[in-house]
């Protein structure tokens, strides 16, 4: 199956949701190339980027699951090839 490289940018504004977010990311761990998290304490948010190499439907599903978590926003950017 053809895969694509993508990055999901995640903003966590409700820190009580991090356990739910981490459970979802663990579920898709085999597709994750890397993860970077930045706590922005002055604003009370966490900024996370997830690099993936996965089939497009898997990336879409992951982004959708993350986006449904209250207090969490996610946007996906895909490579052109």
N, C-alpha and C. Protein backbone atom coordinates (compact mmCIF):
# COMPACT_ATOMS: atom_id res chain seq x y z
N UNK A 1 0.84 -1.17 0.00
CA UNK A 1 0.00 0.00 0.00
C UNK A 1 0.89 1.24 0.00
N UNK A 2 0.51 2.21 -0.81
CA UNK A 2 1.29 3.45 -0.93
C UNK A 2 1.13 4.30 0.33
N UNK A 3 2.25 4.88 0.76
CA UNK A 3 2.21 5.73 1.94
C UNK A 3 2.59 7.15 1.58
N UNK A 4 2.28 8.06 2.48
CA UNK A 4 2.65 9.46 2.32
C UNK A 4 3.32 9.94 3.59
N UNK A 5 4.14 10.94 3.43
CA UNK A 5 4.76 11.59 4.59
C UNK A 5 3.90 12.80 4.94
N UNK A 6 3.64 12.95 6.23
CA UNK A 6 2.80 14.07 6.69
C UNK A 6 3.26 14.51 8.07
N UNK A 7 2.83 15.70 8.43
CA UNK A 7 3.06 16.23 9.77
C UNK A 7 1.71 16.68 10.32
N UNK A 8 1.41 16.25 11.53
CA UNK A 8 0.21 16.72 12.20
C UNK A 8 0.64 17.70 13.29
N UNK A 9 0.14 18.93 13.20
CA UNK A 9 0.38 19.95 14.22
C UNK A 9 -0.78 19.89 15.21
N UNK A 10 -0.44 19.79 16.49
CA UNK A 10 -1.45 19.62 17.53
C UNK A 10 -1.28 20.71 18.59
N UNK A 11 -2.38 21.37 18.95
CA UNK A 11 -2.38 22.32 20.05
C UNK A 11 -3.27 21.76 21.15
N UNK A 12 -2.70 21.59 22.32
CA UNK A 12 -3.44 21.06 23.46
C UNK A 12 -3.70 22.22 24.42
N UNK A 13 -4.95 22.65 24.49
CA UNK A 13 -5.32 23.76 25.37
C UNK A 13 -5.94 23.27 26.68
N UNK A 14 -6.33 22.00 26.72
CA UNK A 14 -6.88 21.39 27.94
C UNK A 14 -5.97 20.24 28.34
N UNK A 15 -5.08 20.51 29.30
CA UNK A 15 -4.07 19.52 29.69
C UNK A 15 -4.67 18.25 30.28
N UNK A 16 -5.92 18.28 30.69
CA UNK A 16 -6.54 17.06 31.22
C UNK A 16 -6.79 16.04 30.11
N UNK A 17 -6.62 16.44 28.86
CA UNK A 17 -6.86 15.54 27.72
C UNK A 17 -5.59 14.85 27.22
N UNK A 18 -4.46 15.11 27.86
CA UNK A 18 -3.20 14.55 27.35
C UNK A 18 -3.16 13.02 27.41
N UNK A 19 -3.79 12.44 28.42
CA UNK A 19 -3.80 10.97 28.51
C UNK A 19 -4.55 10.36 27.33
N UNK A 20 -5.67 10.97 26.97
CA UNK A 20 -6.45 10.50 25.83
C UNK A 20 -5.66 10.65 24.53
N UNK A 21 -4.99 11.79 24.37
CA UNK A 21 -4.16 12.04 23.19
C UNK A 21 -3.03 11.03 23.10
N UNK A 22 -2.32 10.81 24.20
CA UNK A 22 -1.20 9.86 24.19
C UNK A 22 -1.66 8.44 23.88
N UNK A 23 -2.85 8.05 24.32
CA UNK A 23 -3.37 6.72 24.01
C UNK A 23 -3.60 6.57 22.51
N UNK A 24 -4.13 7.61 21.88
CA UNK A 24 -4.35 7.56 20.43
C UNK A 24 -3.02 7.50 19.69
N UNK A 25 -2.06 8.31 20.10
CA UNK A 25 -0.75 8.31 19.44
C UNK A 25 -0.06 6.96 19.61
N UNK A 26 -0.20 6.35 20.77
CA UNK A 26 0.38 5.03 21.00
C UNK A 26 -0.24 3.99 20.04
N UNK A 27 -1.53 4.11 19.81
CA UNK A 27 -2.24 3.19 18.91
C UNK A 27 -1.68 3.26 17.48
N UNK A 28 -1.20 4.44 17.06
CA UNK A 28 -0.67 4.64 15.71
C UNK A 28 0.85 4.71 15.70
N UNK A 29 1.48 4.24 16.76
CA UNK A 29 2.93 4.35 16.92
C UNK A 29 3.76 3.79 15.79
N UNK A 30 3.29 2.74 15.13
CA UNK A 30 4.10 2.13 14.07
C UNK A 30 4.25 3.05 12.85
N UNK A 31 3.41 4.07 12.74
CA UNK A 31 3.49 5.01 11.62
C UNK A 31 4.25 6.29 11.97
N UNK A 32 4.52 6.51 13.25
CA UNK A 32 5.12 7.76 13.69
C UNK A 32 6.64 7.71 13.54
N UNK A 33 7.18 8.67 12.79
CA UNK A 33 8.62 8.79 12.58
C UNK A 33 9.27 9.55 13.74
N UNK A 34 8.57 10.54 14.24
CA UNK A 34 9.11 11.35 15.32
C UNK A 34 8.05 12.25 15.90
N UNK A 35 8.35 12.74 17.10
CA UNK A 35 7.39 13.58 17.82
C UNK A 35 8.17 14.65 18.57
N UNK A 36 7.66 15.88 18.51
CA UNK A 36 8.27 16.97 19.25
C UNK A 36 7.18 17.69 20.03
N UNK A 37 7.42 17.90 21.30
CA UNK A 37 6.46 18.62 22.12
C UNK A 37 7.10 19.83 22.78
N UNK A 38 6.37 20.94 22.77
CA UNK A 38 6.86 22.17 23.37
C UNK A 38 5.80 22.68 24.34
N UNK A 39 6.12 22.70 25.63
CA UNK A 39 5.17 23.28 26.59
C UNK A 39 5.29 24.81 26.55
N UNK A 40 4.21 25.49 26.31
CA UNK A 40 4.20 26.96 26.30
C UNK A 40 3.50 27.40 27.58
N UNK A 41 4.26 27.42 28.65
CA UNK A 41 3.71 27.64 29.99
C UNK A 41 3.04 29.00 30.15
N UNK A 42 3.58 30.02 29.51
CA UNK A 42 3.01 31.36 29.62
C UNK A 42 1.56 31.41 29.12
N UNK A 43 1.25 30.57 28.14
CA UNK A 43 -0.10 30.53 27.57
C UNK A 43 -0.91 29.34 28.04
N UNK A 44 -0.26 28.43 28.77
CA UNK A 44 -0.95 27.26 29.28
C UNK A 44 -1.35 26.25 28.22
N UNK A 45 -0.56 26.17 27.13
CA UNK A 45 -0.85 25.21 26.06
C UNK A 45 0.39 24.38 25.76
N UNK A 46 0.18 23.27 25.08
CA UNK A 46 1.28 22.43 24.60
C UNK A 46 1.19 22.38 23.08
N UNK A 47 2.33 22.49 22.43
CA UNK A 47 2.43 22.45 20.98
C UNK A 47 3.16 21.16 20.63
N UNK A 48 2.52 20.32 19.83
CA UNK A 48 3.10 19.01 19.49
C UNK A 48 3.10 18.86 17.98
N UNK A 49 4.19 18.35 17.43
CA UNK A 49 4.21 17.99 16.02
C UNK A 49 4.55 16.51 15.90
N UNK A 50 3.83 15.83 15.02
CA UNK A 50 3.99 14.40 14.80
C UNK A 50 4.34 14.20 13.32
N UNK A 51 5.49 13.59 13.03
CA UNK A 51 5.88 13.26 11.66
C UNK A 51 5.48 11.81 11.40
N UNK A 52 4.82 11.57 10.26
CA UNK A 52 4.28 10.25 9.94
C UNK A 52 4.68 9.80 8.55
N UNK A 53 4.74 8.49 8.35
CA UNK A 53 4.81 7.87 7.03
C UNK A 53 3.77 6.75 7.07
N UNK A 54 2.62 6.99 6.42
CA UNK A 54 1.49 6.08 6.54
C UNK A 54 0.57 6.22 5.33
N UNK A 55 -0.31 5.24 5.12
CA UNK A 55 -1.33 5.39 4.08
C UNK A 55 -2.20 6.61 4.40
N UNK A 56 -2.68 7.26 3.36
CA UNK A 56 -3.45 8.49 3.56
C UNK A 56 -4.67 8.28 4.45
N UNK A 57 -5.35 7.16 4.31
CA UNK A 57 -6.54 6.93 5.14
C UNK A 57 -6.18 6.80 6.61
N UNK A 58 -5.02 6.26 6.91
CA UNK A 58 -4.56 6.15 8.30
C UNK A 58 -4.26 7.55 8.86
N UNK A 59 -3.60 8.38 8.06
CA UNK A 59 -3.29 9.75 8.49
C UNK A 59 -4.58 10.53 8.73
N UNK A 60 -5.53 10.40 7.82
CA UNK A 60 -6.82 11.09 7.97
C UNK A 60 -7.55 10.63 9.22
N UNK A 61 -7.55 9.35 9.47
CA UNK A 61 -8.23 8.80 10.65
C UNK A 61 -7.57 9.29 11.93
N UNK A 62 -6.24 9.27 11.97
CA UNK A 62 -5.53 9.75 13.15
C UNK A 62 -5.83 11.22 13.41
N UNK A 63 -5.74 12.04 12.38
CA UNK A 63 -6.03 13.46 12.54
C UNK A 63 -7.45 13.71 13.00
N UNK A 64 -8.39 12.92 12.48
CA UNK A 64 -9.79 13.05 12.88
C UNK A 64 -10.00 12.68 14.33
N UNK A 65 -9.38 11.59 14.77
CA UNK A 65 -9.51 11.17 16.17
C UNK A 65 -8.94 12.22 17.12
N UNK A 66 -7.79 12.77 16.76
CA UNK A 66 -7.17 13.79 17.60
C UNK A 66 -8.06 15.03 17.65
N UNK A 67 -8.58 15.43 16.50
CA UNK A 67 -9.41 16.63 16.41
C UNK A 67 -10.72 16.53 17.18
N UNK A 68 -11.17 15.32 17.48
CA UNK A 68 -12.42 15.14 18.22
C UNK A 68 -12.23 15.24 19.74
N UNK A 69 -10.99 15.29 20.19
CA UNK A 69 -10.73 15.40 21.62
C UNK A 69 -11.04 16.85 22.04
N UNK A 70 -11.89 17.04 23.03
CA UNK A 70 -12.19 18.41 23.49
C UNK A 70 -10.92 19.11 23.99
N UNK A 71 -10.76 20.37 23.59
CA UNK A 71 -9.59 21.13 24.03
C UNK A 71 -8.33 20.86 23.25
N UNK A 72 -8.46 20.10 22.15
CA UNK A 72 -7.30 19.76 21.31
C UNK A 72 -7.63 20.11 19.86
N UNK A 73 -6.70 20.76 19.18
CA UNK A 73 -6.86 21.13 17.77
C UNK A 73 -5.75 20.45 16.97
N UNK A 74 -6.08 19.93 15.79
CA UNK A 74 -5.07 19.28 14.95
C UNK A 74 -5.25 19.68 13.49
N UNK A 75 -4.15 19.91 12.81
CA UNK A 75 -4.13 20.19 11.37
C UNK A 75 -3.03 19.36 10.75
N UNK A 76 -3.28 18.85 9.55
CA UNK A 76 -2.34 17.95 8.87
C UNK A 76 -1.80 18.61 7.61
N UNK A 77 -0.49 18.43 7.38
CA UNK A 77 0.16 18.89 6.16
C UNK A 77 0.80 17.67 5.51
N UNK A 78 0.57 17.49 4.20
CA UNK A 78 1.08 16.33 3.46
C UNK A 78 2.22 16.72 2.54
N UNK A 79 3.14 15.77 2.34
CA UNK A 79 4.18 15.96 1.33
C UNK A 79 3.54 15.85 -0.05
N UNK A 80 4.20 16.39 -1.05
CA UNK A 80 3.63 16.34 -2.41
C UNK A 80 3.81 14.99 -3.07
N UNK A 81 4.77 14.17 -2.59
CA UNK A 81 4.98 12.87 -3.20
C UNK A 81 4.98 11.78 -2.16
